[in-house]
């Protein structure tokens, strides 16, 4: 049956429409209230994050995709002696004067290029920051943030001011150097007097006295070795060691050093071997320092190898030569590899080994610094405790 047009009631329809509109109005009001609350929460969170950023201990600088400042926190303002209003909108290179310690100015493009390296070269180096308030020493970390929603990017830069720490370290090293130098003279005199006694210049000694005297001489030698190592470390860290770089025959150097250490190896019943150096090209380096590294590595291998061999070999690798000292000794846990070249590090796996092996714990640290100063690298590897080890250093090939 068809609907009757005469049954249409406009008043009812109007009332129904009014009720629907009122319901929608209430819904919109509720939505607006929720949006307002969310906006307040976002604003509060934004202010909280800004408070954190502006009051961080590190200087926080934010750049847009044109390298212009969009944020400059309170610490950055104090560090550079500039207000945020003075730098906002300006480019990084217009405001920041950052220099390598012994090099040129670091523009942002170059600095960011270093920070993209997998080893984060920029973050590991120290830079001089020149400001209206004076020079500061800083470390720099850069992070690029991709804004996918805006199809743009921003850069967050952290400056960590290490000027005070750097000065404290310098004064500490200077103090250690002075004290070590002053200790060397009386210790040398003590060693000389002990030698006089040991050779009978002061009269005949009992067997028991000779034993005590031998221990005293060893202790004096160890003290002098420690003083010498500390002085070397201080000079290296302060950049006061000059290298005499020349073209050198590596095979001849190795043979010269092996002659000195063969006796130590024979005393322990070890085979001290040398690989074929006839096809190894000459290298650029300081003869004295190369011998020092070689002596450190071979001595350590002999010290921590009870039976088997210590072998010195070399290989050509691209534009450098890698010298390896391989042994069948105690080895080390691969997880501890990075600790080996720290100050006062040792190769031991127990306290008993410390007492047995002795040493200053500075040899590997000095070797690493010397190797890097000559333009090479230094490292070590082992398959595990009891499985031997390989200590190596590289030098630029003279080709």
Protein backbone atom coordinates (compact mmCIF):
# COMPACT_ATOMS: atom_id res chain seq x y z
CA UNK A 1 0.00 0.00 0.00
CA UNK A 2 1.47 3.39 -1.04
CA UNK A 3 2.15 6.11 1.51
CA UNK A 4 -0.40 8.83 1.78
CA UNK A 5 1.22 12.27 1.12
CA UNK A 6 -1.42 13.87 3.30
CA UNK A 7 -0.05 11.94 6.34
CA UNK A 8 3.30 13.91 6.22
CA UNK A 9 3.73 15.99 9.44
CA UNK A 10 6.34 18.78 9.04
CA UNK A 11 6.23 19.67 12.75
CA UNK A 12 7.28 16.17 13.76
CA UNK A 13 10.07 16.19 11.18
CA UNK A 14 11.27 19.62 12.38
CA UNK A 15 11.25 18.45 15.99
CA UNK A 16 13.19 15.32 15.09
CA UNK A 17 15.74 17.40 13.14
CA UNK A 18 16.13 19.78 16.08
CA UNK A 19 16.76 16.85 18.42
CA UNK A 20 19.39 15.40 16.05
CA UNK A 21 21.10 18.79 15.72
CA UNK A 22 21.11 19.22 19.47
CA UNK A 23 22.64 15.76 19.89
CA UNK A 24 25.32 16.56 17.32
CA UNK A 25 25.97 19.89 19.02
CA UNK A 26 26.51 18.07 22.30
CA UNK A 27 28.84 15.62 20.58
CA UNK A 28 30.82 18.47 19.00
CA UNK A 29 31.02 20.24 22.34
CA UNK A 30 32.32 17.06 23.93
CA UNK A 31 34.86 16.62 21.11
CA UNK A 32 35.97 20.26 21.46
CA UNK A 33 36.44 19.78 25.19
CA UNK A 34 38.57 16.68 24.58
CA UNK A 35 40.60 18.49 21.92
CA UNK A 36 41.11 21.40 24.31
CA UNK A 37 42.26 19.06 27.07
CA UNK A 38 44.64 17.29 24.68
CA UNK A 39 46.01 20.63 23.49
CA UNK A 40 46.63 21.64 27.09
CA UNK A 41 48.40 18.32 27.71
CA UNK A 42 50.50 18.73 24.56
CA UNK A 43 51.34 22.31 25.51
CA UNK A 44 52.32 21.19 29.01
CA UNK A 45 54.47 18.38 27.58
CA UNK A 46 56.02 20.80 25.08
CA UNK A 47 56.91 23.20 27.88
CA UNK A 48 58.30 20.34 29.98
CA UNK A 49 60.52 19.14 27.11
CA UNK A 50 61.64 22.70 26.38
CA UNK A 51 62.52 23.16 30.05
CA UNK A 52 64.60 19.97 29.91
CA UNK A 53 66.33 21.01 26.67
CA UNK A 54 67.00 24.57 27.79
CA UNK A 55 68.45 23.49 31.14
CA UNK A 56 70.55 20.49 30.05
CA UNK A 57 74.19 20.45 31.17
CA UNK A 58 75.27 20.10 27.53
CA UNK A 59 74.88 22.92 25.04
CA UNK A 60 72.00 22.00 22.72
CA UNK A 61 71.83 23.61 19.29
CA UNK A 62 69.12 22.73 16.77
CA UNK A 63 69.45 23.58 13.06
CA UNK A 64 66.87 23.39 10.30
CA UNK A 65 67.59 21.82 6.91
CA UNK A 66 69.29 25.04 5.80
CA UNK A 67 71.70 24.84 8.79
CA UNK A 68 69.99 27.79 10.48
CA UNK A 69 69.43 27.92 14.23
CA UNK A 70 65.94 27.09 15.50
CA UNK A 71 66.89 26.40 19.13
CA UNK A 72 69.78 27.55 21.32
CA UNK A 73 69.52 26.42 24.92
CA UNK A 74 70.65 28.22 28.09
CA UNK A 75 73.92 26.29 28.39
CA UNK A 76 74.79 27.14 24.79
CA UNK A 77 74.05 30.79 25.50
CA UNK A 78 76.40 30.77 28.50
CA UNK A 79 79.10 28.85 26.61
CA UNK A 80 79.16 31.17 23.60
CA UNK A 81 78.20 34.40 25.35
CA UNK A 82 75.30 34.92 22.93
CA UNK A 83 71.55 35.10 23.52
CA UNK A 84 69.10 32.91 21.64
CA UNK A 85 67.58 36.00 20.03
CA UNK A 86 70.99 36.88 18.56
CA UNK A 87 71.42 33.56 16.76
CA UNK A 88 67.93 32.34 15.78
CA UNK A 89 67.60 32.31 12.01
CA UNK A 90 71.35 32.69 11.46
CA UNK A 91 73.45 29.95 9.87
CA UNK A 92 75.74 27.67 11.90
CA UNK A 93 78.92 28.78 10.09
CA UNK A 94 78.00 32.42 10.68
CA UNK A 95 77.87 31.95 14.46
CA UNK A 96 80.11 29.02 15.43
CA UNK A 97 83.92 29.19 15.19
CA UNK A 98 85.07 25.61 15.82
CA UNK A 99 88.64 24.51 15.12
CA UNK A 100 90.66 21.31 15.23
CA UNK A 101 93.39 21.56 17.85
CA UNK A 102 96.09 21.47 15.21
CA UNK A 103 94.16 22.26 12.07
CA UNK A 104 91.73 24.49 10.30
CA UNK A 105 88.21 25.61 10.99
CA UNK A 106 85.49 22.96 11.07
CA UNK A 107 82.55 24.14 8.97
CA UNK A 108 79.26 22.35 9.57
CA UNK A 109 79.34 20.33 6.33
CA UNK A 110 82.74 18.87 7.22
CA UNK A 111 81.84 18.27 10.86
CA UNK A 112 78.62 16.48 9.91
CA UNK A 113 80.51 14.44 7.33
CA UNK A 114 82.80 13.14 10.09
CA UNK A 115 79.86 12.39 12.38
CA UNK A 116 78.28 10.14 9.71
CA UNK A 117 81.34 7.86 9.84
CA UNK A 118 80.56 4.54 11.52
CA UNK A 119 83.32 5.17 14.06
CA UNK A 120 81.90 8.66 14.86
CA UNK A 121 85.21 10.46 14.32
CA UNK A 122 83.67 13.82 15.21
CA UNK A 123 82.39 12.59 18.58
CA UNK A 124 85.75 11.15 19.64
CA UNK A 125 87.85 14.21 18.84
CA UNK A 126 88.32 17.35 20.89
CA UNK A 127 87.88 20.79 19.34
CA UNK A 128 88.67 24.38 20.23
CA UNK A 129 85.59 26.61 20.30
CA UNK A 130 86.38 30.30 19.93
CA UNK A 131 83.78 32.57 21.57
CA UNK A 132 83.55 36.24 22.62
CA UNK A 133 84.30 34.98 26.16
CA UNK A 134 87.49 33.14 25.14
CA UNK A 135 88.48 29.68 23.94
CA UNK A 136 86.91 26.49 25.27
CA UNK A 137 87.71 22.82 24.61
CA UNK A 138 84.62 20.85 23.59
CA UNK A 139 83.44 17.50 22.31
CA UNK A 140 80.75 17.48 19.64
CA UNK A 141 77.95 15.04 18.80
CA UNK A 142 75.56 15.55 15.88
CA UNK A 143 72.28 13.74 15.16
CA UNK A 144 70.19 14.19 12.01
CA UNK A 145 66.43 13.92 12.54
CA UNK A 146 64.25 13.16 9.49
CA UNK A 147 60.83 14.88 9.69
CA UNK A 148 58.83 12.54 7.44
CA UNK A 149 55.57 14.43 7.92
CA UNK A 150 57.17 17.69 6.72
CA UNK A 151 59.59 16.12 4.22
CA UNK A 152 62.50 17.95 5.86
CA UNK A 153 65.25 17.34 8.40
CA UNK A 154 66.76 18.96 11.46
CA UNK A 155 70.15 18.62 13.14
CA UNK A 156 70.68 18.35 16.88
CA UNK A 157 74.18 19.36 18.00
CA UNK A 158 75.54 18.75 21.51
CA UNK A 159 78.60 20.64 22.74
CA UNK A 160 80.15 19.19 25.90
CA UNK A 161 82.55 21.64 27.55
CA UNK A 162 85.61 19.70 28.81
CA UNK A 163 87.91 22.69 29.34
CA UNK A 164 88.21 22.19 33.10
CA UNK A 165 88.69 18.41 32.80
CA UNK A 166 91.33 18.97 30.12
CA UNK A 167 93.24 21.43 32.30
CA UNK A 168 93.05 19.11 35.33
CA UNK A 169 94.39 16.25 33.19
CA UNK A 170 97.21 18.47 31.91
CA UNK A 171 98.20 19.52 35.43
CA UNK A 172 98.04 15.92 36.61
CA UNK A 173 100.26 14.70 33.78
CA UNK A 174 102.65 17.59 34.37
CA UNK A 175 102.85 16.75 38.08
CA UNK A 176 103.42 13.05 37.36
CA UNK A 177 106.12 13.94 34.85
CA UNK A 178 107.95 16.20 37.32
CA UNK A 179 107.71 13.69 40.16
CA UNK A 180 108.83 10.82 37.91
CA UNK A 181 111.79 12.83 36.66
CA UNK A 182 112.82 13.72 40.22
CA UNK A 183 112.50 10.09 41.31
CA UNK A 184 114.74 8.79 38.55
CA UNK A 185 117.93 10.43 39.89
CA UNK A 186 117.84 8.98 43.43
CA UNK A 187 116.67 5.58 42.14
CA UNK A 188 119.60 5.47 39.70
CA UNK A 189 121.92 6.24 42.62
CA UNK A 190 120.35 3.46 44.67
CA UNK A 191 120.82 1.01 41.80
CA UNK A 192 124.47 2.05 41.47
CA UNK A 193 125.15 1.46 45.16
CA UNK A 194 123.40 -1.90 45.05
CA UNK A 195 125.57 -2.87 42.08
CA UNK A 196 128.67 -1.91 44.06
CA UNK A 197 127.58 -4.17 46.91
CA UNK A 198 126.68 -7.04 44.54
CA UNK A 199 130.12 -6.92 42.92
CA UNK A 200 131.88 -7.11 46.28
CA UNK A 201 133.09 -3.50 46.37
CA UNK A 202 131.80 -3.18 49.93
CA UNK A 203 133.23 -6.46 51.14
CA UNK A 204 132.17 -10.09 51.09
CA UNK A 205 128.47 -10.86 51.67
CA UNK A 206 126.80 -13.92 53.09
CA UNK A 207 124.67 -16.07 50.78
CA UNK A 208 121.51 -14.85 52.52
CA UNK A 209 122.57 -11.23 52.05
CA UNK A 210 123.20 -11.88 48.35
CA UNK A 211 119.66 -13.22 47.96
CA UNK A 212 118.22 -10.09 49.57
CA UNK A 213 120.49 -7.92 47.44
CA UNK A 214 119.36 -9.65 44.23
CA UNK A 215 115.73 -8.98 45.14
CA UNK A 216 116.55 -5.33 45.87
CA UNK A 217 118.25 -4.94 42.47
CA UNK A 218 115.22 -6.43 40.69
CA UNK A 219 112.89 -4.13 42.60
CA UNK A 220 115.02 -1.12 41.67
CA UNK A 221 115.03 -2.13 38.00
CA UNK A 222 111.27 -2.47 38.07
CA UNK A 223 110.87 0.95 39.70
CA UNK A 224 113.15 2.58 37.11
CA UNK A 225 111.19 0.87 34.34
CA UNK A 226 107.92 2.19 35.78
CA UNK A 227 109.33 5.71 36.07
CA UNK A 228 110.58 5.54 32.47
CA UNK A 229 107.19 4.32 31.22
CA UNK A 230 105.31 7.05 33.12
CA UNK A 231 107.61 9.70 31.64
CA UNK A 232 107.02 8.27 28.14
CA UNK A 233 103.25 8.29 28.64
CA UNK A 234 103.31 11.88 29.92
CA UNK A 235 105.40 13.05 26.98
CA UNK A 236 103.19 11.22 24.48
CA UNK A 237 99.95 12.57 25.93
CA UNK A 238 101.33 16.10 25.95
CA UNK A 239 102.61 15.73 22.38
CA UNK A 240 106.22 16.33 23.45
CA UNK A 241 107.73 13.36 21.60
CA UNK A 242 109.16 14.13 18.18
CA UNK A 243 109.55 11.33 15.67
CA UNK A 244 112.41 10.92 13.25
CA UNK A 245 110.57 9.39 10.31
CA UNK A 246 112.70 7.65 7.69
CA UNK A 247 112.56 4.81 5.17
CA UNK A 248 113.44 1.58 6.96
CA UNK A 249 114.11 -2.06 6.11
CA UNK A 250 111.69 -3.87 8.40
CA UNK A 251 113.33 -7.28 8.11
CA UNK A 252 116.68 -5.93 9.33
CA UNK A 253 114.97 -4.25 12.30
CA UNK A 254 113.21 -7.45 13.31
CA UNK A 255 116.42 -9.49 13.11
CA UNK A 256 118.21 -6.92 15.24
CA UNK A 257 115.56 -7.07 17.95
CA UNK A 258 115.26 -10.87 17.91
CA UNK A 259 118.98 -11.19 18.68
CA UNK A 260 118.36 -9.23 21.89
CA UNK A 261 115.39 -11.34 22.97
CA UNK A 262 116.52 -14.84 21.98
CA UNK A 263 118.12 -15.43 25.38
CA UNK A 264 114.82 -14.74 27.18
CA UNK A 265 113.00 -17.15 24.88
CA UNK A 266 115.63 -19.86 25.29
CA UNK A 267 115.46 -19.57 29.08
CA UNK A 268 111.79 -20.59 28.84
CA UNK A 269 112.42 -23.26 26.20
CA UNK A 270 110.48 -21.35 23.52
CA UNK A 271 111.14 -21.21 19.78
CA UNK A 272 111.56 -17.58 18.68
CA UNK A 273 110.81 -17.63 14.96
CA UNK A 274 110.82 -15.11 12.13
CA UNK A 275 108.79 -15.20 8.94
CA UNK A 276 109.91 -14.34 5.43
CA UNK A 277 110.52 -10.58 5.19
CA UNK A 278 112.30 -10.72 1.82
CA UNK A 279 109.20 -9.62 -0.14
CA UNK A 280 108.01 -7.09 2.43
CA UNK A 281 108.56 -3.49 1.27
CA UNK A 282 110.31 -0.85 3.35
CA UNK A 283 108.23 1.27 5.71
CA UNK A 284 108.15 4.87 6.93
CA UNK A 285 108.64 5.26 10.67
CA UNK A 286 110.91 6.09 13.58
CA UNK A 287 113.48 3.31 14.01
CA UNK A 288 113.75 3.67 17.77
CA UNK A 289 109.99 3.66 18.28
CA UNK A 290 109.38 0.69 15.97
CA UNK A 291 111.93 -1.30 17.97
CA UNK A 292 110.18 -0.21 21.17
CA UNK A 293 106.81 -1.52 19.95
CA UNK A 294 108.39 -4.72 18.67
CA UNK A 295 110.22 -5.29 21.97
CA UNK A 296 107.00 -4.75 23.94
CA UNK A 297 105.03 -7.24 21.86
CA UNK A 298 107.74 -9.93 21.77
CA UNK A 299 108.52 -9.56 25.50
CA UNK A 300 104.81 -9.89 26.34
CA UNK A 301 104.49 -12.99 24.18
CA UNK A 302 107.51 -14.59 25.83
CA UNK A 303 106.21 -13.61 29.27
CA UNK A 304 102.76 -15.16 28.75
CA UNK A 305 103.80 -18.27 26.78
CA UNK A 306 104.77 -21.35 28.77
CA UNK A 307 105.59 -23.65 25.86
CA UNK A 308 105.57 -23.62 22.09
CA UNK A 309 106.59 -20.64 20.01
CA UNK A 310 106.69 -16.91 19.48
CA UNK A 311 106.72 -15.95 15.81
CA UNK A 312 107.26 -12.55 14.15
CA UNK A 313 105.85 -12.17 10.64
CA UNK A 314 104.65 -9.45 8.29
CA UNK A 315 102.28 -8.99 5.38
CA UNK A 316 101.62 -6.29 2.80
CA UNK A 317 98.10 -4.90 2.96
CA UNK A 318 97.17 -2.21 0.44
CA UNK A 319 99.39 0.80 1.22
CA UNK A 320 100.66 -0.43 4.58
CA UNK A 321 102.70 -3.22 6.16
CA UNK A 322 101.29 -5.17 9.11
CA UNK A 323 103.76 -6.71 11.58
CA UNK A 324 102.36 -9.56 13.69
CA UNK A 325 103.75 -11.19 16.82
CA UNK A 326 101.99 -14.56 17.11
CA UNK A 327 102.35 -16.94 20.07
CA UNK A 328 101.00 -20.20 21.51
CA UNK A 329 100.53 -18.67 24.95
CA UNK A 330 97.68 -17.91 27.31
CA UNK A 331 95.66 -15.72 24.98
CA UNK A 332 92.74 -13.67 26.27
CA UNK A 333 88.98 -13.40 26.17
CA UNK A 334 88.01 -11.65 22.88
CA UNK A 335 85.53 -9.53 24.86
CA UNK A 336 88.48 -7.99 26.73
CA UNK A 337 90.32 -6.96 23.56
CA UNK A 338 89.56 -3.24 23.92
CA UNK A 339 90.85 -3.18 27.50
CA UNK A 340 94.33 -4.42 26.60
CA UNK A 341 95.64 -1.08 25.39
CA UNK A 342 94.37 0.98 28.32
CA UNK A 343 96.69 2.46 30.94
CA UNK A 344 97.98 -0.11 33.44
CA UNK A 345 96.23 -2.93 31.58
CA UNK A 346 97.64 -6.45 31.73
CA UNK A 347 97.26 -9.70 29.85
CA UNK A 348 96.78 -11.78 32.96
CA UNK A 349 93.71 -13.81 33.83
CA UNK A 350 94.40 -14.01 37.56
CA UNK A 351 96.24 -12.31 40.40
CA UNK A 352 98.81 -15.10 40.35
CA UNK A 353 99.88 -14.06 36.88
CA UNK A 354 100.43 -10.48 38.05
CA UNK A 355 102.84 -11.60 40.72
CA UNK A 356 104.56 -13.94 38.30
CA UNK A 357 104.83 -11.68 35.28
CA UNK A 358 105.40 -8.30 36.86
CA UNK A 359 105.67 -5.34 34.47
CA UNK A 360 104.21 -1.85 34.62
CA UNK A 361 101.02 -2.34 32.63
CA UNK A 362 101.93 0.63 30.40
CA UNK A 363 103.79 -1.12 27.58
CA UNK A 364 100.78 -1.81 25.36
CA UNK A 365 99.33 1.66 25.99
CA UNK A 366 102.63 3.25 24.95
CA UNK A 367 102.88 0.96 21.92
CA UNK A 368 99.40 1.98 20.74
CA UNK A 369 100.16 5.68 21.07
CA UNK A 370 103.50 5.33 19.27
CA UNK A 371 101.97 3.26 16.46
CA UNK A 372 99.19 5.78 15.87
CA UNK A 373 101.65 8.70 16.06
CA UNK A 374 103.60 7.10 13.20
CA UNK A 375 100.44 6.93 11.08
CA UNK A 376 99.60 3.28 11.72
CA UNK A 377 97.28 1.23 13.87
CA UNK A 378 97.77 -1.24 16.71
CA UNK A 379 95.58 -4.18 17.71
CA UNK A 380 95.33 -7.72 19.06
CA UNK A 381 93.24 -10.83 18.60
CA UNK A 382 92.78 -14.22 20.26
CA UNK A 383 90.36 -17.09 19.97
CA UNK A 384 90.15 -17.33 23.75
CA UNK A 385 92.03 -18.03 26.95
CA UNK A 386 94.66 -20.71 26.41
CA UNK A 387 94.52 -20.42 22.61
CA UNK A 388 97.40 -18.06 21.95
CA UNK A 389 97.27 -14.51 20.69
CA UNK A 390 98.37 -12.18 17.90
CA UNK A 391 99.51 -8.63 18.57
CA UNK A 392 100.01 -6.47 15.51
CA UNK A 393 100.90 -2.97 14.36
CA UNK A 394 100.81 -1.36 10.94
CA UNK A 395 103.08 1.20 9.29
CA UNK A 396 102.85 3.14 6.01
CA UNK A 397 104.58 1.23 3.21
CA UNK A 398 107.39 3.08 1.44
CA UNK A 399 106.39 2.31 -2.14
